[in-house]
Amino acid sequence: TVEKAISLGVDSISNTFKATGIRIAQGSSFVSLIDLWPGIKVYKKLHFHPDSTLTCFSGGDFYSLMPFTDPRFKQITSQYVYGAHDSSFFAMAITDSALYSTFLQNNSMGITIDLGTGTFDTSTNIGQDYRRVFNYLTVTLSLSEDDALTQTIAYIMSKYNTGLALYRRKLGEAKFTKINTKVTTVSPGNETYAVNNCL
């Protein structure tokens, strides 16, 4: 099974709610999200992670809101992913457009992301932080890989001033929870991490 994408928007003629067609990944496991669709002004983007992948957003998904910097797409300020592995819904929203633009300028996708895996390149500072925090959460706190990935993505969003926020709604829950990872500095270069999520 591969990734699939769909976007939600408004019909350019009738001004009514409308969904685009479904786009299916071609030639790789990664799908290109939908920013443009004939007759529809896109407002929200959604994609599907199959059971074979982790549920949360990947590092590459940080850049899926990049079209926001183009005046034609200013209305696209959030995206969603559905993870088939545990039926969680995740939301990623731009909370500070200036910070997000600065993050994109200082951390280009071609350098920051390993295009083969869609996650952070471990030769970069972000990638090293990502791996260290993920390992701490899985080994020291015994979180599942999915939960550790979720908390690690929230940590990266905060530490690197991305202007992004992460939310999760698990199966059976009525509301999204804002994902936060608490950082405690034990000594220079030595940190601990804890789940600090809130409704």
C-alpha atoms as a PDB file:
ATOM      1  CA  THR A   1       0.000   0.000   0.000  1.00  0.00           C
ATOM      2  CA  VAL A   2       1.244   3.490  -0.838  1.00  0.00           C
ATOM      3  CA  GLU A   3       0.456   6.981   0.402  1.00  0.00           C
ATOM      4  CA  LYS A   4      -2.636   8.761  -0.883  1.00  0.00           C
ATOM      5  CA  ALA A   5      -3.596  12.459  -0.791  1.00  0.00           C
ATOM      6  CA  ILE A   6      -6.728  14.557  -1.063  1.00  0.00           C
ATOM      7  CA  SER A   7      -7.372  18.256  -0.449  1.00  0.00           C
ATOM      8  CA  LEU A   8     -10.437  20.188   0.685  1.00  0.00           C
ATOM      9  CA  GLY A   9     -11.472  23.579  -0.583  1.00  0.00           C
ATOM     10  CA  VAL A  10     -14.106  25.780  -2.128  1.00  0.00           C
ATOM     11  CA  ASP A  11     -15.583  25.558  -5.624  1.00  0.00           C
ATOM     12  CA  SER A  12     -14.447  28.637  -7.553  1.00  0.00           C
ATOM     13  CA  ILE A  13     -17.892  29.124  -9.153  1.00  0.00           C
ATOM     14  CA  SER A  14     -20.524  28.061  -6.595  1.00  0.00           C
ATOM     15  CA  ASN A  15     -18.384  28.913  -3.534  1.00  0.00           C
ATOM     16  CA  THR A  16     -19.447  25.615  -1.932  1.00  0.00           C
ATOM     17  CA  PHE A  17     -17.302  23.095  -0.063  1.00  0.00           C
ATOM     18  CA  LYS A  18     -15.627  20.618  -2.383  1.00  0.00           C
ATOM     19  CA  ALA A  19     -12.953  17.914  -2.310  1.00  0.00           C
ATOM     20  CA  THR A  20     -10.358  17.210  -4.953  1.00  0.00           C
ATOM     21  CA  GLY A  21      -9.856  13.810  -6.473  1.00  0.00           C
ATOM     22  CA  ILE A  22      -7.538  11.324  -4.758  1.00  0.00           C
ATOM     23  CA  ARG A  23      -3.866  11.313  -5.727  1.00  0.00           C
ATOM     24  CA  ILE A  24      -1.954   8.056  -5.299  1.00  0.00           C
ATOM     25  CA  ALA A  25       1.827   7.874  -4.958  1.00  0.00           C
ATOM     26  CA  GLN A  26       3.494   6.885  -8.209  1.00  0.00           C
ATOM     27  CA  GLY A  27       6.926   5.307  -8.431  1.00  0.00           C
ATOM     28  CA  SER A  28       7.698   5.652  -4.707  1.00  0.00           C
ATOM     29  CA  SER A  29       5.996   5.380  -1.361  1.00  0.00           C
ATOM     30  CA  PHE A  30       5.677   9.184  -1.036  1.00  0.00           C
ATOM     31  CA  VAL A  31       2.731  11.103  -2.444  1.00  0.00           C
ATOM     32  CA  SER A  32       2.819  14.688  -3.689  1.00  0.00           C
ATOM     33  CA  LEU A  33       0.216  16.703  -1.787  1.00  0.00           C
ATOM     34  CA  ILE A  34      -2.410  18.696  -3.675  1.00  0.00           C
ATOM     35  CA  ASP A  35      -2.124  22.492  -3.707  1.00  0.00           C
ATOM     36  CA  LEU A  36      -3.733  23.098  -7.096  1.00  0.00           C
ATOM     37  CA  TRP A  37      -6.866  21.483  -8.522  1.00  0.00           C
ATOM     38  CA  PRO A  38      -9.020  22.703 -11.423  1.00  0.00           C
ATOM     39  CA  GLY A  39     -11.998  24.724 -10.188  1.00  0.00           C
ATOM     40  CA  ILE A  40     -11.128  24.408  -6.487  1.00  0.00           C
ATOM     41  CA  LYS A  41      -9.332  26.815  -4.165  1.00  0.00           C
ATOM     42  CA  VAL A  42      -7.558  24.499  -1.714  1.00  0.00           C
ATOM     43  CA  TYR A  43      -7.654  25.308   2.019  1.00  0.00           C
ATOM     44  CA  LYS A  44      -6.703  22.047   3.752  1.00  0.00           C
ATOM     45  CA  LYS A  45      -4.480  19.167   2.702  1.00  0.00           C
ATOM     46  CA  LEU A  46      -4.797  15.582   3.890  1.00  0.00           C
ATOM     47  CA  HIS A  47      -2.731  12.499   3.219  1.00  0.00           C
ATOM     48  CA  PHE A  48      -2.804   8.896   4.310  1.00  0.00           C
ATOM     49  CA  HIS A  49       0.086   6.899   5.782  1.00  0.00           C
ATOM     50  CA  PRO A  50      -0.392   3.179   5.112  1.00  0.00           C
ATOM     51  CA  ASP A  51      -0.018   0.562   7.833  1.00  0.00           C
ATOM     52  CA  SER A  52       3.554  -0.152   6.729  1.00  0.00           C
ATOM     53  CA  THR A  53       4.765   3.287   7.859  1.00  0.00           C
ATOM     54  CA  LEU A  54       4.757   5.209  11.122  1.00  0.00           C
ATOM     55  CA  THR A  55       1.633   7.242  11.723  1.00  0.00           C
ATOM     56  CA  CYS A  56       2.831  10.791  12.409  1.00  0.00           C
ATOM     57  CA  PHE A  57       4.145  13.409   9.995  1.00  0.00           C
ATOM     58  CA  SER A  58       7.619  12.737   8.630  1.00  0.00           C
ATOM     59  CA  GLY A  59      10.418  15.273   8.490  1.00  0.00           C
ATOM     60  CA  GLY A  60       9.603  15.805   4.826  1.00  0.00           C
ATOM     61  CA  ASP A  61       6.075  16.842   5.789  1.00  0.00           C
ATOM     62  CA  PHE A  62       7.524  19.991   7.420  1.00  0.00           C
ATOM     63  CA  TYR A  63       7.965  21.227   3.862  1.00  0.00           C
ATOM     64  CA  SER A  64       4.478  20.289   2.641  1.00  0.00           C
ATOM     65  CA  LEU A  65       3.167  23.677   3.808  1.00  0.00           C
ATOM     66  CA  MET A  66       5.946  25.496   1.950  1.00  0.00           C
ATOM     67  CA  PRO A  67       3.532  26.702  -0.795  1.00  0.00           C
ATOM     68  CA  PHE A  68       2.120  29.015   1.918  1.00  0.00           C
ATOM     69  CA  THR A  69       5.027  31.353   1.115  1.00  0.00           C
ATOM     70  CA  ASP A  70       3.564  31.833  -2.390  1.00  0.00           C
ATOM     71  CA  PRO A  71       0.778  34.490  -2.351  1.00  0.00           C
ATOM     72  CA  ARG A  72      -1.441  32.153  -4.413  1.00  0.00           C
ATOM     73  CA  PHE A  73      -1.553  29.678  -1.503  1.00  0.00           C
ATOM     74  CA  LYS A  74      -1.677  31.938   1.581  1.00  0.00           C
ATOM     75  CA  GLN A  75      -4.919  30.266   2.679  1.00  0.00           C
ATOM     76  CA  ILE A  76      -3.253  26.841   3.096  1.00  0.00           C
ATOM     77  CA  THR A  77      -2.072  27.053   6.706  1.00  0.00           C
ATOM     78  CA  SER A  78      -2.623  23.502   7.917  1.00  0.00           C
ATOM     79  CA  GLN A  79      -2.478  19.897   6.817  1.00  0.00           C
ATOM     80  CA  TYR A  80      -3.581  16.554   8.201  1.00  0.00           C
ATOM     81  CA  VAL A  81      -2.330  12.996   8.082  1.00  0.00           C
ATOM     82  CA  TYR A  82      -4.219   9.818   8.898  1.00  0.00           C
ATOM     83  CA  GLY A  83      -2.056   6.982  10.165  1.00  0.00           C
ATOM     84  CA  ALA A  84      -3.467   3.569   9.382  1.00  0.00           C
ATOM     85  CA  HIS A  85      -1.159   1.876  11.898  1.00  0.00           C
ATOM     86  CA  ASP A  86      -3.181   3.085  14.918  1.00  0.00           C
ATOM     87  CA  SER A  87      -5.942   5.178  13.276  1.00  0.00           C
ATOM     88  CA  SER A  88      -4.612   8.461  14.677  1.00  0.00           C
ATOM     89  CA  PHE A  89      -5.316  11.774  12.972  1.00  0.00           C
ATOM     90  CA  PHE A  90      -2.577  14.393  13.112  1.00  0.00           C
ATOM     91  CA  ALA A  91      -2.757  18.094  12.319  1.00  0.00           C
ATOM     92  CA  MET A  92       0.151  20.402  11.535  1.00  0.00           C
ATOM     93  CA  ALA A  93      -0.596  24.117  11.581  1.00  0.00           C
ATOM     94  CA  ILE A  94       1.379  27.267  10.914  1.00  0.00           C
ATOM     95  CA  THR A  95       1.197  29.351  14.095  1.00  0.00           C
ATOM     96  CA  ASP A  96       3.769  31.992  13.103  1.00  0.00           C
ATOM     97  CA  SER A  97       4.215  32.612   9.382  1.00  0.00           C
ATOM     98  CA  ALA A  98       7.380  34.713   9.843  1.00  0.00           C
ATOM     99  CA  LEU A  99       9.098  31.979  11.855  1.00  0.00           C
ATOM    100  CA  TYR A 100       8.020  29.335   9.355  1.00  0.00           C
ATOM    101  CA  SER A 101       9.418  31.358   6.448  1.00  0.00           C
ATOM    102  CA  THR A 102      12.708  31.847   8.310  1.00  0.00           C
ATOM    103  CA  PHE A 103      12.913  28.130   9.084  1.00  0.00           C
ATOM    104  CA  LEU A 104      12.453  27.292   5.396  1.00  0.00           C
ATOM    105  CA  GLN A 105      15.150  29.793   4.386  1.00  0.00           C
ATOM    106  CA  ASN A 106      17.658  28.480   6.925  1.00  0.00           C
ATOM    107  CA  ASN A 107      16.922  24.765   6.517  1.00  0.00           C
ATOM    108  CA  SER A 108      16.416  23.952   2.868  1.00  0.00           C
ATOM    109  CA  MET A 109      14.722  20.648   2.142  1.00  0.00           C
ATOM    110  CA  GLY A 110      17.563  19.489  -0.118  1.00  0.00           C
ATOM    111  CA  ILE A 111      20.019  19.667   2.783  1.00  0.00           C
ATOM    112  CA  THR A 112      17.818  18.833   5.782  1.00  0.00           C
ATOM    113  CA  ILE A 113      15.840  15.859   4.447  1.00  0.00           C
ATOM    114  CA  ASP A 114      17.097  12.454   3.348  1.00  0.00           C
ATOM    115  CA  LEU A 115      15.001  12.138   0.199  1.00  0.00           C
ATOM    116  CA  GLY A 116      15.337   8.354   0.268  1.00  0.00           C
ATOM    117  CA  THR A 117      13.613   7.992   3.632  1.00  0.00           C
ATOM    118  CA  GLY A 118      11.600  11.244   3.812  1.00  0.00           C
ATOM    119  CA  THR A 119      12.969  11.986   7.263  1.00  0.00           C
ATOM    120  CA  PHE A 120      15.723  14.223   8.618  1.00  0.00           C
ATOM    121  CA  ASP A 121      19.240  13.620   7.339  1.00  0.00           C
ATOM    122  CA  THR A 122      21.220  12.409  10.354  1.00  0.00           C
ATOM    123  CA  SER A 123      24.331  14.269   9.167  1.00  0.00           C
ATOM    124  CA  THR A 124      22.578  17.575   9.968  1.00  0.00           C
ATOM    125  CA  ASN A 125      22.027  19.143  13.395  1.00  0.00           C
ATOM    126  CA  ILE A 126      18.279  18.607  13.081  1.00  0.00           C
ATOM    127  CA  GLY A 127      18.809  14.976  12.116  1.00  0.00           C
ATOM    128  CA  GLN A 128      21.145  14.348  15.039  1.00  0.00           C
ATOM    129  CA  ASP A 129      18.689  15.956  17.472  1.00  0.00           C
ATOM    130  CA  TYR A 130      15.885  13.923  15.935  1.00  0.00           C
ATOM    131  CA  ARG A 131      17.746  10.637  16.370  1.00  0.00           C
ATOM    132  CA  ARG A 132      18.912  11.442  19.929  1.00  0.00           C
ATOM    133  CA  VAL A 133      15.454  12.428  21.207  1.00  0.00           C
ATOM    134  CA  PHE A 134      13.725   9.538  19.423  1.00  0.00           C
ATOM    135  CA  ASN A 135      16.187   7.067  20.959  1.00  0.00           C
ATOM    136  CA  TYR A 136      15.740   8.569  24.431  1.00  0.00           C
ATOM    137  CA  LEU A 137      11.958   8.338  24.207  1.00  0.00           C
ATOM    138  CA  THR A 138      11.941   4.739  22.969  1.00  0.00           C
ATOM    139  CA  VAL A 139      14.739   3.412  25.199  1.00  0.00           C
ATOM    140  CA  THR A 140      14.535   5.459  28.406  1.00  0.00           C
ATOM    141  CA  LEU A 141      10.783   6.164  28.502  1.00  0.00           C
ATOM    142  CA  SER A 142       9.781   2.965  26.650  1.00  0.00           C
ATOM    143  CA  LEU A 143       7.392   4.833  24.335  1.00  0.00           C
ATOM    144  CA  SER A 144       6.162   3.040  21.235  1.00  0.00           C
ATOM    145  CA  GLU A 145       7.844   4.052  17.996  1.00  0.00           C
ATOM    146  CA  ASP A 146       4.712   5.945  16.927  1.00  0.00           C
ATOM    147  CA  ASP A 147       4.440   7.865  20.203  1.00  0.00           C
ATOM    148  CA  ALA A 148       8.174   8.585  20.241  1.00  0.00           C
ATOM    149  CA  LEU A 149       8.056   9.865  16.667  1.00  0.00           C
ATOM    150  CA  THR A 150       5.130  12.129  17.542  1.00  0.00           C
ATOM    151  CA  GLN A 151       6.932  13.632  20.545  1.00  0.00           C
ATOM    152  CA  THR A 152      10.185  13.959  18.585  1.00  0.00           C
ATOM    153  CA  ILE A 153       8.500  15.866  15.765  1.00  0.00           C
ATOM    154  CA  ALA A 154       7.005  18.256  18.356  1.00  0.00           C
ATOM    155  CA  TYR A 155      10.455  18.705  19.907  1.00  0.00           C
ATOM    156  CA  ILE A 156      11.997  19.606  16.536  1.00  0.00           C
ATOM    157  CA  MET A 157       9.174  22.062  15.824  1.00  0.00           C
ATOM    158  CA  SER A 158       9.859  23.847  19.099  1.00  0.00           C
ATOM    159  CA  LYS A 159      13.663  23.768  19.227  1.00  0.00           C
ATOM    160  CA  TYR A 160      14.110  25.031  15.682  1.00  0.00           C
ATOM    161  CA  ASN A 161      11.477  27.780  15.939  1.00  0.00           C
ATOM    162  CA  THR A 162       9.605  26.402  12.943  1.00  0.00           C
ATOM    163  CA  GLY A 163       6.416  28.385  13.560  1.00  0.00           C
ATOM    164  CA  LEU A 164       4.557  25.056  13.412  1.00  0.00           C
ATOM    165  CA  ALA A 165       2.422  23.236  15.982  1.00  0.00           C
ATOM    166  CA  LEU A 166       1.493  19.558  16.108  1.00  0.00           C
ATOM    167  CA  TYR A 167      -1.841  18.056  17.219  1.00  0.00           C
ATOM    168  CA  ARG A 168      -3.057  14.465  17.510  1.00  0.00           C
ATOM    169  CA  ARG A 169      -6.441  12.795  17.873  1.00  0.00           C
ATOM    170  CA  LYS A 170      -6.323   9.112  18.705  1.00  0.00           C
ATOM    171  CA  LEU A 171      -9.024   6.634  17.777  1.00  0.00           C
ATOM    172  CA  GLY A 172     -12.054   7.173  20.013  1.00  0.00           C
ATOM    173  CA  GLU A 173     -11.021  10.654  21.174  1.00  0.00           C
ATOM    174  CA  ALA A 174     -13.317  13.607  20.493  1.00  0.00           C
ATOM    175  CA  LYS A 175     -10.698  16.357  20.392  1.00  0.00           C
ATOM    176  CA  PHE A 176      -7.204  16.992  19.142  1.00  0.00           C
ATOM    177  CA  THR A 177      -4.438  17.194  21.759  1.00  0.00           C
ATOM    178  CA  LYS A 178      -1.548  19.622  21.312  1.00  0.00           C
ATOM    179  CA  ILE A 179       1.716  17.701  21.375  1.00  0.00           C
ATOM    180  CA  ASN A 180       4.528  19.122  23.503  1.00  0.00           C
ATOM    181  CA  THR A 181       7.816  17.607  24.597  1.00  0.00           C
ATOM    182  CA  LYS A 182       9.247  19.004  27.828  1.00  0.00           C
ATOM    183  CA  VAL A 183      13.017  19.461  27.877  1.00  0.00           C
ATOM    184  CA  THR A 184      15.016  19.506  31.120  1.00  0.00           C
ATOM    185  CA  THR A 185      18.698  20.448  31.008  1.00  0.00           C
ATOM    186  CA  VAL A 186      20.546  18.257  33.535  1.00  0.00           C
ATOM    187  CA  SER A 187      23.967  19.650  32.656  1.00  0.00           C
ATOM    188  CA  PRO A 188      25.528  21.300  29.592  1.00  0.00           C
ATOM    189  CA  GLY A 189      24.877  18.976  26.651  1.00  0.00           C
ATOM    190  CA  ASN A 190      22.786  16.592  28.760  1.00  0.00           C
ATOM    191  CA  GLU A 191      19.010  16.814  28.429  1.00  0.00           C
ATOM    192  CA  THR A 192      16.043  14.688  29.438  1.00  0.00           C
ATOM    193  CA  TYR A 193      12.688  14.655  27.660  1.00  0.00           C
ATOM    194  CA  ALA A 194       9.132  14.076  28.820  1.00  0.00           C
ATOM    195  CA  VAL A 195       5.631  14.025  27.360  1.00  0.00           C
ATOM    196  CA  ASN A 196       3.828  17.299  28.149  1.00  0.00           C
ATOM    197  CA  ASN A 197       0.734  17.190  25.946  1.00  0.00           C
ATOM    198  CA  CYS A 198      -2.418  19.239  26.569  1.00  0.00           C
ATOM    199  CA  LEU A 199      -5.969  19.629  25.224  1.00  0.00           C
END
